[in-house]
N, C-alpha and C. Protein backbone atom coordinates (compact mmCIF):
# COMPACT_ATOMS: atom_id res chain seq x y z
N UNK A 1 67.79 -32.85 -17.14
CA UNK A 1 66.21 -32.17 -16.91
C UNK A 1 66.42 -30.70 -17.16
N UNK A 2 66.06 -30.30 -18.49
CA UNK A 2 66.10 -29.13 -18.78
C UNK A 2 64.51 -28.53 -18.43
N UNK A 3 64.37 -27.34 -18.03
CA UNK A 3 62.99 -26.62 -17.75
C UNK A 3 62.99 -25.27 -18.31
N UNK A 4 62.05 -24.77 -18.66
CA UNK A 4 61.73 -23.37 -18.98
C UNK A 4 60.45 -22.93 -18.71
N UNK A 5 60.51 -21.68 -18.42
CA UNK A 5 59.08 -21.10 -18.26
C UNK A 5 59.14 -19.56 -17.85
N UNK A 6 57.89 -18.94 -18.03
CA UNK A 6 57.78 -17.38 -17.81
C UNK A 6 57.76 -17.19 -16.46
N UNK A 7 58.36 -16.30 -15.83
CA UNK A 7 58.59 -15.77 -14.39
C UNK A 7 57.80 -14.75 -14.11
N UNK A 8 56.56 -14.71 -13.63
CA UNK A 8 55.62 -13.61 -13.45
C UNK A 8 55.54 -13.24 -12.04
N UNK A 9 56.27 -13.95 -10.82
CA UNK A 9 56.21 -13.47 -9.50
C UNK A 9 57.32 -14.03 -8.77
N UNK A 10 57.38 -13.68 -7.62
CA UNK A 10 58.51 -13.71 -6.70
C UNK A 10 58.41 -15.42 -6.59
N UNK A 11 57.19 -15.89 -6.32
CA UNK A 11 57.18 -17.23 -6.00
C UNK A 11 57.75 -18.21 -7.13
N UNK A 12 57.26 -17.97 -8.57
CA UNK A 12 57.80 -18.33 -9.71
C UNK A 12 59.33 -18.59 -9.72
N UNK A 13 59.82 -17.27 -9.46
CA UNK A 13 61.26 -17.01 -9.48
C UNK A 13 62.01 -17.92 -8.63
N UNK A 14 61.39 -18.06 -7.33
CA UNK A 14 61.90 -18.87 -6.35
C UNK A 14 62.17 -20.35 -6.70
N UNK A 15 60.77 -20.74 -7.47
CA UNK A 15 60.89 -22.30 -7.85
C UNK A 15 61.86 -22.46 -8.70
N UNK A 16 61.98 -21.61 -9.77
CA UNK A 16 63.08 -21.67 -10.85
C UNK A 16 64.41 -21.95 -10.43
N UNK A 17 64.62 -20.88 -9.25
CA UNK A 17 66.03 -20.89 -8.76
C UNK A 17 66.25 -22.17 -7.66
N UNK A 18 65.19 -22.65 -7.24
CA UNK A 18 65.25 -23.68 -6.37
C UNK A 18 65.44 -25.03 -7.28
N UNK A 19 64.73 -25.20 -8.53
CA UNK A 19 65.28 -26.35 -9.25
C UNK A 19 66.52 -26.26 -9.97
N UNK A 20 66.99 -25.12 -10.17
CA UNK A 20 68.21 -24.84 -10.79
C UNK A 20 69.36 -25.37 -9.62
N UNK A 21 69.16 -25.05 -8.57
CA UNK A 21 70.15 -25.44 -7.39
C UNK A 21 69.96 -26.90 -7.29
N UNK A 22 68.74 -27.75 -7.20
CA UNK A 22 68.75 -29.06 -7.26
C UNK A 22 69.49 -29.61 -8.52
N UNK A 23 69.09 -29.33 -9.68
CA UNK A 23 69.72 -29.63 -10.91
C UNK A 23 71.36 -29.68 -10.81
N UNK A 24 71.97 -28.62 -10.07
CA UNK A 24 73.28 -28.44 -10.08
C UNK A 24 73.72 -29.27 -8.66
N UNK A 25 72.97 -29.94 -8.17
CA UNK A 25 73.25 -30.76 -6.90
C UNK A 25 73.71 -30.09 -5.74
N UNK A 26 73.22 -29.08 -5.59
CA UNK A 26 73.65 -28.06 -4.33
C UNK A 26 72.61 -28.08 -3.21
N UNK A 27 72.94 -28.10 -2.08
CA UNK A 27 71.91 -27.92 -0.86
C UNK A 27 71.94 -26.33 -0.80
N UNK A 28 70.87 -25.97 0.03
CA UNK A 28 70.75 -24.59 0.33
C UNK A 28 72.24 -23.95 0.88
N UNK A 29 72.48 -24.92 2.03
CA UNK A 29 73.77 -24.43 2.65
C UNK A 29 74.89 -24.37 1.76
N UNK A 30 75.16 -25.30 1.01
CA UNK A 30 76.19 -25.33 0.14
C UNK A 30 76.11 -24.24 -0.93
N UNK A 31 75.06 -23.70 -1.54
CA UNK A 31 74.86 -22.60 -2.22
C UNK A 31 75.13 -21.27 -1.66
N UNK A 32 74.48 -21.21 -0.36
CA UNK A 32 74.95 -20.27 0.51
C UNK A 32 76.33 -20.00 0.82
N UNK A 33 77.09 -21.04 0.96
CA UNK A 33 78.66 -20.97 1.36
C UNK A 33 79.13 -20.58 -0.19
N UNK A 34 78.74 -20.85 -1.16
CA UNK A 34 79.49 -20.37 -2.31
C UNK A 34 79.19 -18.89 -2.45
N UNK A 35 77.96 -18.48 -2.23
CA UNK A 35 77.50 -17.01 -2.36
C UNK A 35 77.82 -16.01 -1.09
N UNK A 36 78.66 -16.64 -0.24
CA UNK A 36 78.78 -16.03 1.18
C UNK A 36 77.94 -15.21 1.54
N UNK A 37 76.81 -16.01 1.82
CA UNK A 37 75.46 -15.65 2.52
C UNK A 37 75.06 -16.61 3.48
N UNK A 38 73.93 -16.74 3.98
CA UNK A 38 73.40 -17.66 4.99
C UNK A 38 72.22 -18.65 4.34
N UNK A 39 72.04 -19.66 4.94
CA UNK A 39 71.10 -20.65 4.20
C UNK A 39 69.78 -20.09 4.34
N UNK A 40 69.42 -19.38 5.30
CA UNK A 40 68.22 -18.61 5.52
C UNK A 40 67.75 -17.63 4.45
N UNK A 41 68.75 -17.14 4.04
CA UNK A 41 68.38 -16.09 2.59
C UNK A 41 68.12 -17.04 1.47
N UNK A 42 68.91 -17.92 1.25
CA UNK A 42 68.54 -19.04 0.22
C UNK A 42 67.24 -19.64 0.31
N UNK A 43 66.69 -20.11 1.43
CA UNK A 43 65.43 -20.51 1.81
C UNK A 43 64.27 -19.41 1.30
N UNK A 44 64.68 -18.17 1.99
CA UNK A 44 63.54 -17.14 1.84
C UNK A 44 63.40 -16.76 0.22
N UNK A 45 64.54 -16.82 -0.66
CA UNK A 45 64.31 -16.65 -1.98
C UNK A 45 63.60 -17.55 -2.62
N UNK A 46 64.09 -18.98 -2.24
CA UNK A 46 63.40 -20.03 -2.88
C UNK A 46 61.89 -20.22 -2.55
N UNK A 47 61.52 -19.65 -1.52
CA UNK A 47 60.18 -19.85 -0.75
C UNK A 47 59.46 -18.58 -1.55
N UNK A 48 59.93 -17.77 -2.25
CA UNK A 48 59.08 -16.73 -2.96
C UNK A 48 59.02 -15.72 -1.99
N UNK A 49 59.57 -15.45 -0.85
CA UNK A 49 59.42 -14.45 -0.07
C UNK A 49 59.34 -12.94 -1.02
N UNK A 50 58.57 -12.31 -0.66
CA UNK A 50 58.62 -11.07 -1.55
C UNK A 50 59.19 -9.86 -0.98
N UNK A 51 60.09 -9.38 -1.53
CA UNK A 51 61.06 -8.10 -1.07
C UNK A 51 60.39 -6.97 -1.83
N UNK A 52 60.62 -5.68 -1.14
CA UNK A 52 60.16 -4.63 -1.83
C UNK A 52 60.80 -4.51 -3.24
N UNK A 53 62.08 -4.79 -3.35
CA UNK A 53 62.72 -4.66 -4.71
C UNK A 53 62.05 -5.74 -5.71
N UNK A 54 61.81 -7.04 -5.28
CA UNK A 54 61.27 -7.87 -6.22
C UNK A 54 59.67 -7.64 -6.50
N UNK A 55 58.95 -7.01 -5.69
CA UNK A 55 57.77 -6.71 -5.61
C UNK A 55 57.74 -5.34 -6.78
N UNK A 56 58.47 -4.35 -6.70
CA UNK A 56 58.73 -3.41 -7.81
C UNK A 56 59.10 -3.72 -8.97
N UNK A 57 60.07 -4.83 -9.09
CA UNK A 57 60.44 -5.42 -10.35
C UNK A 57 59.27 -5.83 -11.08
N UNK A 58 58.61 -6.67 -10.34
CA UNK A 58 57.55 -7.32 -11.09
C UNK A 58 56.18 -6.35 -11.29
N UNK A 59 56.17 -5.38 -10.58
CA UNK A 59 55.10 -4.31 -10.85
C UNK A 59 55.59 -3.53 -12.14
N UNK A 60 56.90 -3.27 -12.30
CA UNK A 60 57.41 -2.59 -13.37
C UNK A 60 57.15 -3.47 -14.67
N UNK A 61 57.35 -4.65 -14.59
CA UNK A 61 57.30 -5.68 -15.75
C UNK A 61 55.77 -5.79 -16.06
N UNK A 62 54.81 -5.82 -15.28
CA UNK A 62 53.46 -5.90 -15.55
C UNK A 62 53.11 -4.49 -16.33
N UNK A 63 53.46 -3.56 -15.76
CA UNK A 63 53.02 -2.01 -16.31
C UNK A 63 53.41 -1.98 -17.61
N UNK A 64 54.81 -2.43 -17.85
CA UNK A 64 55.54 -2.20 -19.33
C UNK A 64 55.36 -3.32 -20.28
N UNK A 65 54.97 -4.40 -19.82
CA UNK A 65 54.71 -5.38 -20.79
C UNK A 65 55.94 -6.45 -20.70
N UNK A 66 56.76 -6.29 -20.04
CA UNK A 66 58.11 -7.05 -20.12
C UNK A 66 57.84 -8.24 -19.40
N UNK A 67 58.30 -9.56 -20.26
CA UNK A 67 58.12 -10.72 -19.72
C UNK A 67 59.42 -11.31 -19.37
N UNK A 68 59.63 -11.95 -18.40
CA UNK A 68 60.85 -12.86 -18.00
C UNK A 68 60.64 -14.34 -18.41
N UNK A 69 61.46 -14.92 -18.76
CA UNK A 69 61.84 -16.50 -18.91
C UNK A 69 63.06 -16.92 -18.34
N UNK A 70 62.94 -17.88 -17.94
CA UNK A 70 64.20 -18.62 -17.21
C UNK A 70 64.10 -19.96 -17.88
N UNK A 71 65.62 -20.41 -18.14
CA UNK A 71 65.81 -21.90 -18.52
C UNK A 71 66.55 -22.45 -17.31
N UNK A 72 66.30 -23.77 -17.15
CA UNK A 72 67.28 -24.48 -16.19
C UNK A 72 68.17 -25.37 -17.05
N UNK A 73 69.26 -25.04 -17.20
CA UNK A 73 70.30 -25.95 -18.24
C UNK A 73 70.37 -27.14 -17.58
N UNK A 74 70.72 -28.19 -18.17
CA UNK A 74 71.39 -29.47 -17.60
C UNK A 74 72.51 -29.32 -16.96
N UNK A 75 72.97 -29.86 -16.00
CA UNK A 75 74.33 -29.80 -15.30
C UNK A 75 75.30 -29.90 -16.17
N UNK A 76 75.35 -30.66 -17.20
CA UNK A 76 76.42 -30.84 -18.09
C UNK A 76 76.75 -29.42 -18.70
N UNK A 77 75.76 -28.47 -18.89
CA UNK A 77 75.97 -27.30 -19.81
C UNK A 77 76.84 -26.18 -18.86
N UNK A 78 77.45 -25.38 -19.46
CA UNK A 78 78.52 -24.40 -18.83
C UNK A 78 77.35 -23.43 -18.00
N UNK A 79 77.94 -23.07 -16.82
CA UNK A 79 77.16 -22.35 -15.87
C UNK A 79 78.09 -20.93 -15.63
N UNK A 80 77.21 -19.96 -15.02
CA UNK A 80 78.17 -18.72 -14.65
C UNK A 80 78.17 -17.70 -15.63
N UNK A 81 77.69 -17.79 -16.73
CA UNK A 81 77.70 -16.83 -17.76
C UNK A 81 76.30 -15.93 -17.81
N UNK A 82 76.33 -14.76 -18.16
CA UNK A 82 75.17 -14.20 -18.31
C UNK A 82 74.63 -14.28 -19.83
N UNK A 83 73.32 -14.59 -20.08
CA UNK A 83 72.95 -14.72 -21.38
C UNK A 83 71.83 -13.78 -21.67
N UNK A 84 72.09 -12.87 -22.51
CA UNK A 84 71.27 -11.70 -23.17
C UNK A 84 70.90 -12.06 -24.80
N UNK A 85 69.67 -12.30 -24.95
CA UNK A 85 69.31 -12.34 -26.14
C UNK A 85 68.74 -11.03 -26.78
N UNK A 86 69.35 -10.56 -27.82
CA UNK A 86 68.97 -9.10 -28.25
C UNK A 86 67.92 -9.50 -29.58
N UNK A 87 66.98 -8.68 -29.26
CA UNK A 87 65.85 -8.78 -30.55
C UNK A 87 66.39 -7.94 -31.77
N UNK A 88 66.10 -8.44 -32.76
CA UNK A 88 66.21 -8.00 -34.14
C UNK A 88 65.49 -6.73 -34.63
N UNK A 89 64.59 -6.22 -33.65
CA UNK A 89 63.61 -5.27 -33.78
C UNK A 89 63.79 -3.86 -33.33
């Protein structure tokens, strides 16, 4: 199940992260353990709880015309690598 879409809000970011976690076969607690945080934090992020940092990031994106797209890879794809696509212009 690969999914992709534009992320315009903390809520959309949370939904994409939740779907990625589910595709990876992880529970919130399992992901929290891997990240050395607690399950409540994972829940808050996935629920789209807006933080001042996310609020500012999305405000900057709106003001500058920057768009964020996310893709959820199939669980068989490699994970854990940063992917940056450079424009040719």
